[in-house]
Amino acid sequence: MKNLTRIAATFVLLALGFGTGVSAQPSAAASGAGYHDPRSPIKPLQERAGVLAWALLSSVSNKVEKNKLIPIFPAQVQALDKKKVKVQGFMMPLEPGDKQQHFLLSAVPTSCAFCVPAGPEGLIEVRSKQPVRYSLEPIVMEGQLAVLSDDPYGMYYRLLDGQEIKP
């Protein structure tokens, strides 16, 4: 199962155009928190008090160095490293099944099963304590945020020891 997870994560990140040895183009990667298709039946996220805003997470800038995209995090984002936070987003499963413990949280809903809806500044890799049921509706997770400056998969954020917060 770990191999399947690694394959799924690699597929997602390759679709983003990240990873070692991949020529990253800043214009393609620096897409903000993602694009919410106005035709989507799913409503876009609304900012909520006490929940980390995607606008802040997507305020990262990038530079290309040795065929790698290097994130440059503002001080406000760097200050969140290793802090307990609440984030909301749309679940992108990395494994089959209706409950997930390892998944991506996106600022915008996916519009197709093979498309990544945002760049790395619009995604958070989540590792949860308990399995979380998949839903098309946004979920709120709480956990320790890791701000990643040199992740081998090209991720900028990871939420560890995540717990779903029910409304």
N, C-alpha and C. Protein backbone atom coordinates (compact mmCIF):
# COMPACT_ATOMS: atom_id res chain seq x y z
N MET A 1 0.82 -1.19 0.00
CA MET A 1 0.00 0.00 0.00
C MET A 1 0.87 1.26 0.00
N LYS A 2 2.03 1.20 0.67
CA LYS A 2 2.92 2.36 0.67
C LYS A 2 3.42 2.66 -0.73
N ASN A 3 3.68 1.59 -1.53
CA ASN A 3 4.14 1.81 -2.90
C ASN A 3 3.07 2.48 -3.72
N LEU A 4 1.80 2.07 -3.51
CA LEU A 4 0.69 2.68 -4.23
C LEU A 4 0.58 4.16 -3.88
N THR A 5 0.74 4.48 -2.60
CA THR A 5 0.71 5.87 -2.15
C THR A 5 1.82 6.67 -2.80
N ARG A 6 3.02 6.11 -2.80
CA ARG A 6 4.17 6.80 -3.39
C ARG A 6 3.96 7.01 -4.89
N ILE A 7 3.40 6.00 -5.57
CA ILE A 7 3.13 6.12 -7.01
C ILE A 7 2.10 7.20 -7.26
N ALA A 8 1.01 7.21 -6.46
CA ALA A 8 -0.04 8.23 -6.62
C ALA A 8 0.51 9.62 -6.37
N ALA A 9 1.30 9.77 -5.30
CA ALA A 9 1.87 11.09 -4.98
C ALA A 9 2.83 11.53 -6.08
N THR A 10 3.63 10.61 -6.58
CA THR A 10 4.56 10.94 -7.66
C THR A 10 3.81 11.36 -8.91
N PHE A 11 2.70 10.65 -9.23
CA PHE A 11 1.90 11.00 -10.39
C PHE A 11 1.36 12.42 -10.26
N VAL A 12 0.81 12.74 -9.09
CA VAL A 12 0.26 14.08 -8.86
C VAL A 12 1.35 15.13 -9.02
N LEU A 13 2.50 14.89 -8.43
CA LEU A 13 3.56 15.89 -8.47
C LEU A 13 4.20 16.00 -9.85
N LEU A 14 4.27 14.89 -10.56
CA LEU A 14 4.77 14.97 -11.94
C LEU A 14 3.79 15.75 -12.81
N ALA A 15 2.50 15.57 -12.54
CA ALA A 15 1.50 16.34 -13.27
C ALA A 15 1.68 17.83 -13.02
N LEU A 16 2.15 18.17 -11.82
CA LEU A 16 2.42 19.57 -11.50
C LEU A 16 3.69 20.06 -12.19
N GLY A 17 4.56 19.12 -12.59
CA GLY A 17 5.81 19.51 -13.22
C GLY A 17 6.92 19.72 -12.23
N PHE A 18 6.82 19.08 -11.05
CA PHE A 18 7.83 19.25 -10.02
C PHE A 18 8.60 17.96 -9.82
N GLY A 19 9.68 18.07 -9.07
CA GLY A 19 10.51 16.93 -8.75
C GLY A 19 11.92 17.20 -9.22
N THR A 20 12.81 16.37 -8.82
CA THR A 20 14.18 16.59 -9.21
C THR A 20 14.36 16.25 -10.68
N GLY A 21 15.13 17.07 -11.34
CA GLY A 21 15.43 16.83 -12.74
C GLY A 21 14.36 17.29 -13.71
N VAL A 22 13.26 17.82 -13.22
CA VAL A 22 12.20 18.29 -14.10
C VAL A 22 12.39 19.79 -14.31
N SER A 23 12.31 20.20 -15.52
CA SER A 23 12.45 21.63 -15.81
C SER A 23 11.17 22.34 -15.41
N ALA A 24 11.25 23.15 -14.37
CA ALA A 24 10.07 23.86 -13.86
C ALA A 24 9.99 25.25 -14.49
N GLN A 25 8.81 25.61 -14.88
CA GLN A 25 8.56 26.93 -15.45
C GLN A 25 7.79 27.74 -14.42
N PRO A 26 8.31 28.85 -13.96
CA PRO A 26 7.63 29.64 -12.95
C PRO A 26 6.22 30.05 -13.34
N SER A 27 5.98 30.36 -14.59
CA SER A 27 4.65 30.80 -14.98
C SER A 27 3.62 29.69 -14.82
N ALA A 28 3.99 28.45 -15.06
CA ALA A 28 3.05 27.34 -14.92
C ALA A 28 2.88 26.96 -13.46
N ALA A 29 3.94 27.07 -12.68
CA ALA A 29 3.89 26.62 -11.30
C ALA A 29 3.31 27.66 -10.37
N ALA A 30 3.54 28.90 -10.65
CA ALA A 30 3.08 29.95 -9.75
C ALA A 30 1.66 30.34 -10.09
N SER A 31 0.74 29.40 -9.87
CA SER A 31 -0.64 29.62 -10.29
C SER A 31 -1.54 30.08 -9.16
N GLY A 32 -0.99 30.42 -8.03
CA GLY A 32 -1.81 30.84 -6.90
C GLY A 32 -2.51 29.65 -6.27
N ALA A 33 -3.60 29.92 -5.59
CA ALA A 33 -4.30 28.86 -4.88
C ALA A 33 -5.14 28.00 -5.81
N GLY A 34 -5.11 28.26 -7.08
CA GLY A 34 -5.84 27.44 -8.04
C GLY A 34 -7.00 28.19 -8.66
N TYR A 35 -7.64 27.55 -9.61
CA TYR A 35 -8.73 28.15 -10.36
C TYR A 35 -10.01 27.40 -10.04
N HIS A 36 -11.01 28.10 -9.58
CA HIS A 36 -12.32 27.50 -9.31
C HIS A 36 -13.19 27.73 -10.54
N ASP A 37 -13.52 26.67 -11.23
CA ASP A 37 -14.33 26.77 -12.44
C ASP A 37 -15.72 27.30 -12.07
N PRO A 38 -16.15 28.40 -12.68
CA PRO A 38 -17.45 28.96 -12.34
C PRO A 38 -18.61 28.03 -12.68
N ARG A 39 -18.38 27.03 -13.53
CA ARG A 39 -19.42 26.07 -13.88
C ARG A 39 -19.54 24.96 -12.84
N SER A 40 -18.62 24.92 -11.88
CA SER A 40 -18.62 23.87 -10.87
C SER A 40 -19.87 23.94 -10.00
N PRO A 41 -20.48 22.79 -9.73
CA PRO A 41 -21.62 22.78 -8.82
C PRO A 41 -21.20 22.95 -7.35
N ILE A 42 -19.90 22.88 -7.10
CA ILE A 42 -19.37 23.01 -5.75
C ILE A 42 -18.99 24.47 -5.52
N LYS A 43 -19.48 25.02 -4.43
CA LYS A 43 -19.22 26.43 -4.12
C LYS A 43 -17.76 26.61 -3.70
N PRO A 44 -17.16 27.77 -4.03
CA PRO A 44 -15.79 28.05 -3.61
C PRO A 44 -15.72 28.21 -2.09
N LEU A 45 -14.52 28.05 -1.54
CA LEU A 45 -14.31 28.21 -0.11
C LEU A 45 -14.55 29.66 0.31
N GLN A 46 -15.12 29.83 1.47
CA GLN A 46 -15.27 31.15 2.08
C GLN A 46 -14.28 31.22 3.23
N GLU A 47 -13.59 32.35 3.37
CA GLU A 47 -12.67 32.50 4.50
C GLU A 47 -13.45 32.40 5.79
N ARG A 48 -12.82 31.75 6.79
CA ARG A 48 -13.46 31.55 8.09
C ARG A 48 -12.52 32.00 9.19
N ALA A 49 -13.08 32.57 10.24
CA ALA A 49 -12.29 33.00 11.39
C ALA A 49 -11.62 31.78 12.02
N GLY A 50 -10.35 31.94 12.37
CA GLY A 50 -9.62 30.86 13.03
C GLY A 50 -9.07 29.79 12.09
N VAL A 51 -9.33 29.95 10.80
CA VAL A 51 -8.86 28.98 9.79
C VAL A 51 -7.86 29.70 8.89
N LEU A 52 -6.72 29.08 8.68
CA LEU A 52 -5.65 29.64 7.86
C LEU A 52 -6.16 29.95 6.46
N ALA A 53 -5.88 31.14 5.99
CA ALA A 53 -6.37 31.58 4.67
C ALA A 53 -5.44 31.08 3.56
N TRP A 54 -6.04 30.58 2.49
CA TRP A 54 -5.26 30.16 1.33
C TRP A 54 -4.55 31.34 0.69
N ALA A 55 -5.10 32.53 0.83
CA ALA A 55 -4.45 33.72 0.25
C ALA A 55 -3.07 33.90 0.87
N LEU A 56 -2.94 33.62 2.16
CA LEU A 56 -1.64 33.73 2.81
C LEU A 56 -0.70 32.63 2.31
N LEU A 57 -1.19 31.39 2.27
CA LEU A 57 -0.34 30.27 1.82
C LEU A 57 0.11 30.45 0.38
N SER A 58 -0.74 31.02 -0.46
CA SER A 58 -0.38 31.18 -1.87
C SER A 58 0.42 32.44 -2.14
N SER A 59 0.76 33.20 -1.07
CA SER A 59 1.56 34.41 -1.26
C SER A 59 3.05 34.11 -1.44
N VAL A 60 3.41 32.85 -1.51
CA VAL A 60 4.79 32.44 -1.74
C VAL A 60 5.21 32.84 -3.16
N SER A 61 6.47 33.23 -3.30
CA SER A 61 7.00 33.47 -4.64
C SER A 61 8.01 32.36 -4.93
N ASN A 62 8.49 32.31 -6.14
CA ASN A 62 9.36 31.20 -6.56
C ASN A 62 10.56 31.72 -7.34
N LYS A 63 11.62 30.94 -7.29
CA LYS A 63 12.76 31.20 -8.18
C LYS A 63 13.22 29.85 -8.71
N VAL A 64 13.76 29.87 -9.91
CA VAL A 64 14.27 28.65 -10.53
C VAL A 64 15.76 28.58 -10.28
N GLU A 65 16.19 27.44 -9.76
CA GLU A 65 17.59 27.22 -9.46
C GLU A 65 17.95 25.78 -9.84
N LYS A 66 18.86 25.62 -10.77
CA LYS A 66 19.31 24.28 -11.19
C LYS A 66 18.13 23.38 -11.58
N ASN A 67 17.24 23.89 -12.45
CA ASN A 67 16.08 23.14 -12.91
C ASN A 67 15.12 22.74 -11.81
N LYS A 68 15.14 23.44 -10.69
CA LYS A 68 14.21 23.20 -9.61
C LYS A 68 13.51 24.51 -9.26
N LEU A 69 12.28 24.40 -8.86
CA LEU A 69 11.53 25.56 -8.41
C LEU A 69 11.72 25.67 -6.90
N ILE A 70 12.28 26.78 -6.45
CA ILE A 70 12.57 27.00 -5.03
C ILE A 70 11.56 28.02 -4.49
N PRO A 71 10.79 27.63 -3.45
CA PRO A 71 9.83 28.58 -2.88
C PRO A 71 10.52 29.62 -2.00
N ILE A 72 10.01 30.83 -2.06
CA ILE A 72 10.46 31.91 -1.18
C ILE A 72 9.24 32.33 -0.37
N PHE A 73 9.23 31.91 0.89
CA PHE A 73 8.07 32.14 1.75
C PHE A 73 8.17 33.49 2.46
N PRO A 74 7.08 34.26 2.49
CA PRO A 74 7.09 35.49 3.28
C PRO A 74 7.24 35.16 4.77
N ALA A 75 7.67 36.12 5.56
CA ALA A 75 7.90 35.90 6.99
C ALA A 75 6.65 35.38 7.69
N GLN A 76 5.46 35.88 7.30
CA GLN A 76 4.21 35.41 7.92
C GLN A 76 4.01 33.92 7.72
N VAL A 77 4.37 33.41 6.55
CA VAL A 77 4.22 31.99 6.27
C VAL A 77 5.31 31.20 7.00
N GLN A 78 6.55 31.67 6.97
CA GLN A 78 7.63 30.99 7.69
C GLN A 78 7.32 30.84 9.17
N ALA A 79 6.64 31.83 9.74
CA ALA A 79 6.29 31.79 11.17
C ALA A 79 5.30 30.68 11.49
N LEU A 80 4.62 30.13 10.49
CA LEU A 80 3.65 29.06 10.71
C LEU A 80 4.30 27.68 10.81
N ASP A 81 5.58 27.58 10.44
CA ASP A 81 6.27 26.28 10.46
C ASP A 81 6.25 25.69 11.87
N LYS A 82 5.81 24.44 11.95
CA LYS A 82 5.73 23.68 13.21
C LYS A 82 4.68 24.22 14.18
N LYS A 83 3.75 25.02 13.66
CA LYS A 83 2.66 25.56 14.48
C LYS A 83 1.39 24.75 14.23
N LYS A 84 0.55 24.68 15.25
CA LYS A 84 -0.75 24.03 15.12
C LYS A 84 -1.69 25.00 14.42
N VAL A 85 -2.30 24.55 13.32
CA VAL A 85 -3.19 25.40 12.52
C VAL A 85 -4.44 24.63 12.14
N LYS A 86 -5.45 25.37 11.71
CA LYS A 86 -6.64 24.80 11.09
C LYS A 86 -6.64 25.25 9.64
N VAL A 87 -6.90 24.31 8.75
CA VAL A 87 -6.99 24.62 7.32
C VAL A 87 -8.26 23.98 6.77
N GLN A 88 -8.81 24.61 5.76
CA GLN A 88 -9.96 24.03 5.09
C GLN A 88 -9.62 23.80 3.63
N GLY A 89 -10.28 22.84 3.04
CA GLY A 89 -10.04 22.59 1.63
C GLY A 89 -10.79 21.38 1.15
N PHE A 90 -10.50 21.03 -0.09
CA PHE A 90 -11.15 19.92 -0.75
C PHE A 90 -10.18 18.73 -0.79
N MET A 91 -10.66 17.56 -0.43
CA MET A 91 -9.82 16.37 -0.35
C MET A 91 -9.53 15.81 -1.75
N MET A 92 -8.26 15.50 -1.98
CA MET A 92 -7.82 14.77 -3.16
C MET A 92 -7.18 13.48 -2.66
N PRO A 93 -7.91 12.36 -2.74
CA PRO A 93 -7.37 11.10 -2.23
C PRO A 93 -6.11 10.68 -2.98
N LEU A 94 -5.21 10.02 -2.26
CA LEU A 94 -4.01 9.46 -2.87
C LEU A 94 -4.05 7.94 -2.90
N GLU A 95 -5.08 7.37 -2.28
CA GLU A 95 -5.26 5.92 -2.25
C GLU A 95 -6.71 5.61 -2.54
N PRO A 96 -7.00 4.37 -2.96
CA PRO A 96 -8.41 4.00 -3.15
C PRO A 96 -9.10 3.88 -1.79
N GLY A 97 -10.41 4.01 -1.79
CA GLY A 97 -11.18 3.83 -0.58
C GLY A 97 -11.92 5.09 -0.18
N ASP A 98 -12.97 4.91 0.64
CA ASP A 98 -13.77 6.06 1.03
C ASP A 98 -13.23 6.77 2.27
N LYS A 99 -12.23 6.19 2.92
CA LYS A 99 -11.58 6.85 4.06
C LYS A 99 -10.09 6.97 3.78
N GLN A 100 -9.53 8.12 4.14
CA GLN A 100 -8.14 8.42 3.80
C GLN A 100 -7.37 8.89 5.04
N GLN A 101 -6.12 8.48 5.16
CA GLN A 101 -5.23 9.02 6.19
C GLN A 101 -4.08 9.81 5.57
N HIS A 102 -3.90 9.67 4.26
CA HIS A 102 -2.87 10.40 3.53
C HIS A 102 -3.53 10.92 2.26
N PHE A 103 -3.63 12.24 2.16
CA PHE A 103 -4.32 12.84 1.02
C PHE A 103 -3.82 14.26 0.83
N LEU A 104 -4.25 14.87 -0.25
CA LEU A 104 -3.95 16.28 -0.50
C LEU A 104 -5.19 17.10 -0.19
N LEU A 105 -4.97 18.26 0.36
CA LEU A 105 -6.03 19.22 0.60
C LEU A 105 -5.80 20.35 -0.38
N SER A 106 -6.83 20.70 -1.13
CA SER A 106 -6.71 21.71 -2.17
C SER A 106 -7.58 22.92 -1.87
N ALA A 107 -7.12 24.07 -2.31
CA ALA A 107 -7.89 25.31 -2.14
C ALA A 107 -9.12 25.34 -3.03
N VAL A 108 -9.12 24.56 -4.10
CA VAL A 108 -10.25 24.51 -5.02
C VAL A 108 -10.61 23.05 -5.29
N PRO A 109 -11.88 22.79 -5.62
CA PRO A 109 -12.26 21.40 -5.91
C PRO A 109 -11.66 20.93 -7.22
N THR A 110 -11.47 19.63 -7.33
CA THR A 110 -10.98 19.07 -8.58
C THR A 110 -12.12 19.05 -9.59
N SER A 111 -11.80 19.24 -10.84
CA SER A 111 -12.82 19.20 -11.87
C SER A 111 -12.74 17.92 -12.69
N CYS A 112 -11.64 17.18 -12.51
CA CYS A 112 -11.53 15.88 -13.16
C CYS A 112 -10.57 15.02 -12.34
N ALA A 113 -10.74 13.71 -12.44
CA ALA A 113 -9.96 12.78 -11.61
C ALA A 113 -8.48 12.79 -11.96
N PHE A 114 -8.11 13.30 -13.13
CA PHE A 114 -6.71 13.25 -13.56
C PHE A 114 -6.05 14.62 -13.58
N CYS A 115 -6.75 15.63 -13.06
CA CYS A 115 -6.24 16.99 -13.09
C CYS A 115 -5.86 17.46 -11.69
N VAL A 116 -4.78 18.18 -11.60
CA VAL A 116 -4.38 18.79 -10.34
C VAL A 116 -4.91 20.22 -10.38
N PRO A 117 -5.73 20.61 -9.39
CA PRO A 117 -6.42 21.90 -9.48
C PRO A 117 -5.58 23.13 -9.16
N ALA A 118 -4.39 22.94 -8.60
CA ALA A 118 -3.59 24.09 -8.18
C ALA A 118 -2.11 23.75 -8.23
N GLY A 119 -1.28 24.78 -8.12
CA GLY A 119 0.15 24.56 -7.97
C GLY A 119 0.46 24.18 -6.53
N PRO A 120 1.72 24.01 -6.17
CA PRO A 120 2.07 23.57 -4.83
C PRO A 120 1.67 24.56 -3.74
N GLU A 121 1.47 25.83 -4.10
CA GLU A 121 1.03 26.81 -3.11
C GLU A 121 -0.46 26.70 -2.83
N GLY A 122 -1.17 25.89 -3.58
CA GLY A 122 -2.60 25.67 -3.39
C GLY A 122 -2.92 24.27 -2.90
N LEU A 123 -1.89 23.54 -2.45
CA LEU A 123 -2.07 22.16 -1.97
C LEU A 123 -1.35 21.96 -0.64
N ILE A 124 -1.92 21.10 0.19
CA ILE A 124 -1.27 20.70 1.44
C ILE A 124 -1.34 19.18 1.50
N GLU A 125 -0.20 18.54 1.69
CA GLU A 125 -0.19 17.10 1.92
C GLU A 125 -0.60 16.87 3.37
N VAL A 126 -1.57 15.99 3.59
CA VAL A 126 -2.11 15.74 4.93
C VAL A 126 -1.83 14.31 5.35
N ARG A 127 -1.34 14.17 6.57
CA ARG A 127 -1.20 12.88 7.25
C ARG A 127 -2.08 12.98 8.49
N SER A 128 -3.17 12.20 8.52
CA SER A 128 -4.11 12.32 9.63
C SER A 128 -3.95 11.17 10.62
N LYS A 129 -4.34 11.44 11.87
CA LYS A 129 -4.28 10.43 12.92
C LYS A 129 -5.30 9.33 12.65
N GLN A 130 -6.51 9.73 12.30
CA GLN A 130 -7.61 8.82 12.03
C GLN A 130 -8.04 8.97 10.57
N PRO A 131 -8.56 7.91 9.97
CA PRO A 131 -9.06 8.03 8.60
C PRO A 131 -10.17 9.07 8.49
N VAL A 132 -10.17 9.81 7.39
CA VAL A 132 -11.15 10.85 7.13
C VAL A 132 -11.98 10.40 5.93
N ARG A 133 -13.30 10.46 6.07
CA ARG A 133 -14.19 10.05 4.99
C ARG A 133 -14.12 11.05 3.84
N TYR A 134 -13.99 10.52 2.62
CA TYR A 134 -13.94 11.36 1.43
C TYR A 134 -15.27 12.07 1.25
N SER A 135 -15.19 13.32 0.81
CA SER A 135 -16.38 14.12 0.55
C SER A 135 -16.06 15.11 -0.56
N LEU A 136 -17.07 15.46 -1.33
CA LEU A 136 -16.92 16.53 -2.31
C LEU A 136 -16.99 17.89 -1.64
N GLU A 137 -17.54 17.93 -0.45
CA GLU A 137 -17.65 19.17 0.32
C GLU A 137 -16.31 19.48 0.98
N PRO A 138 -16.04 20.76 1.26
CA PRO A 138 -14.78 21.09 1.94
C PRO A 138 -14.76 20.53 3.36
N ILE A 139 -13.55 20.22 3.82
CA ILE A 139 -13.35 19.74 5.19
C ILE A 139 -12.39 20.69 5.89
N VAL A 140 -12.41 20.64 7.22
CA VAL A 140 -11.47 21.43 8.02
C VAL A 140 -10.60 20.44 8.78
N MET A 141 -9.29 20.63 8.66
CA MET A 141 -8.32 19.78 9.36
C MET A 141 -7.49 20.64 10.29
N GLU A 142 -7.10 20.05 11.42
CA GLU A 142 -6.22 20.73 12.36
C GLU A 142 -5.01 19.84 12.58
N GLY A 143 -3.83 20.44 12.62
CA GLY A 143 -2.61 19.70 12.84
C GLY A 143 -1.41 20.62 12.80
N GLN A 144 -0.24 20.00 12.82
CA GLN A 144 1.01 20.76 12.81
C GLN A 144 1.44 21.00 11.36
N LEU A 145 1.58 22.26 11.00
CA LEU A 145 1.96 22.62 9.63
C LEU A 145 3.47 22.60 9.48
N ALA A 146 3.92 21.97 8.42
CA ALA A 146 5.34 22.02 8.05
C ALA A 146 5.44 22.85 6.78
N VAL A 147 6.28 23.87 6.82
CA VAL A 147 6.55 24.71 5.65
C VAL A 147 7.82 24.15 5.03
N LEU A 148 7.72 23.65 3.80
CA LEU A 148 8.78 22.86 3.17
C LEU A 148 9.51 23.67 2.11
N SER A 149 10.80 23.83 2.29
CA SER A 149 11.55 24.61 1.30
C SER A 149 12.29 23.73 0.30
N ASP A 150 12.44 22.43 0.59
CA ASP A 150 13.16 21.56 -0.34
C ASP A 150 12.59 20.15 -0.29
N ASP A 151 11.29 20.02 -0.50
CA ASP A 151 10.64 18.72 -0.49
C ASP A 151 10.96 17.97 -1.78
N PRO A 152 11.35 16.69 -1.71
CA PRO A 152 11.70 15.96 -2.92
C PRO A 152 10.53 15.80 -3.90
N TYR A 153 9.28 15.91 -3.40
CA TYR A 153 8.11 15.80 -4.28
C TYR A 153 7.60 17.15 -4.74
N GLY A 154 8.24 18.23 -4.31
CA GLY A 154 7.84 19.55 -4.76
C GLY A 154 6.72 20.18 -3.95
N MET A 155 6.35 19.57 -2.83
CA MET A 155 5.29 20.14 -1.99
C MET A 155 5.84 21.32 -1.19
N TYR A 156 4.97 22.28 -0.91
CA TYR A 156 5.35 23.44 -0.10
C TYR A 156 4.85 23.31 1.33
N TYR A 157 3.76 22.53 1.52
CA TYR A 157 3.14 22.42 2.84
C TYR A 157 2.75 20.97 3.15
N ARG A 158 2.86 20.63 4.43
CA ARG A 158 2.44 19.31 4.92
C ARG A 158 1.79 19.51 6.28
N LEU A 159 0.65 18.87 6.50
CA LEU A 159 -0.04 18.91 7.79
C LEU A 159 0.14 17.55 8.44
N LEU A 160 0.77 17.53 9.62
CA LEU A 160 1.06 16.28 10.32
C LEU A 160 0.12 16.13 11.52
N ASP A 161 -0.15 14.87 11.88
CA ASP A 161 -1.04 14.56 13.01
C ASP A 161 -2.39 15.26 12.85
N GLY A 162 -2.90 15.25 11.63
CA GLY A 162 -4.15 15.95 11.33
C GLY A 162 -5.36 15.29 11.97
N GLN A 163 -6.30 16.12 12.35
CA GLN A 163 -7.58 15.68 12.86
C GLN A 163 -8.66 16.49 12.17
N GLU A 164 -9.72 15.79 11.72
CA GLU A 164 -10.81 16.51 11.09
C GLU A 164 -11.60 17.24 12.16
N ILE A 165 -11.95 18.49 11.87
CA ILE A 165 -12.78 19.31 12.76
C ILE A 165 -14.17 19.35 12.14
N LYS A 166 -15.13 18.83 12.86
CA LYS A 166 -16.51 18.84 12.37
C LYS A 166 -17.15 20.19 12.65
N PRO A 167 -17.99 20.68 11.71
CA PRO A 167 -18.64 21.98 11.91
C PRO A 167 -19.63 21.97 13.07
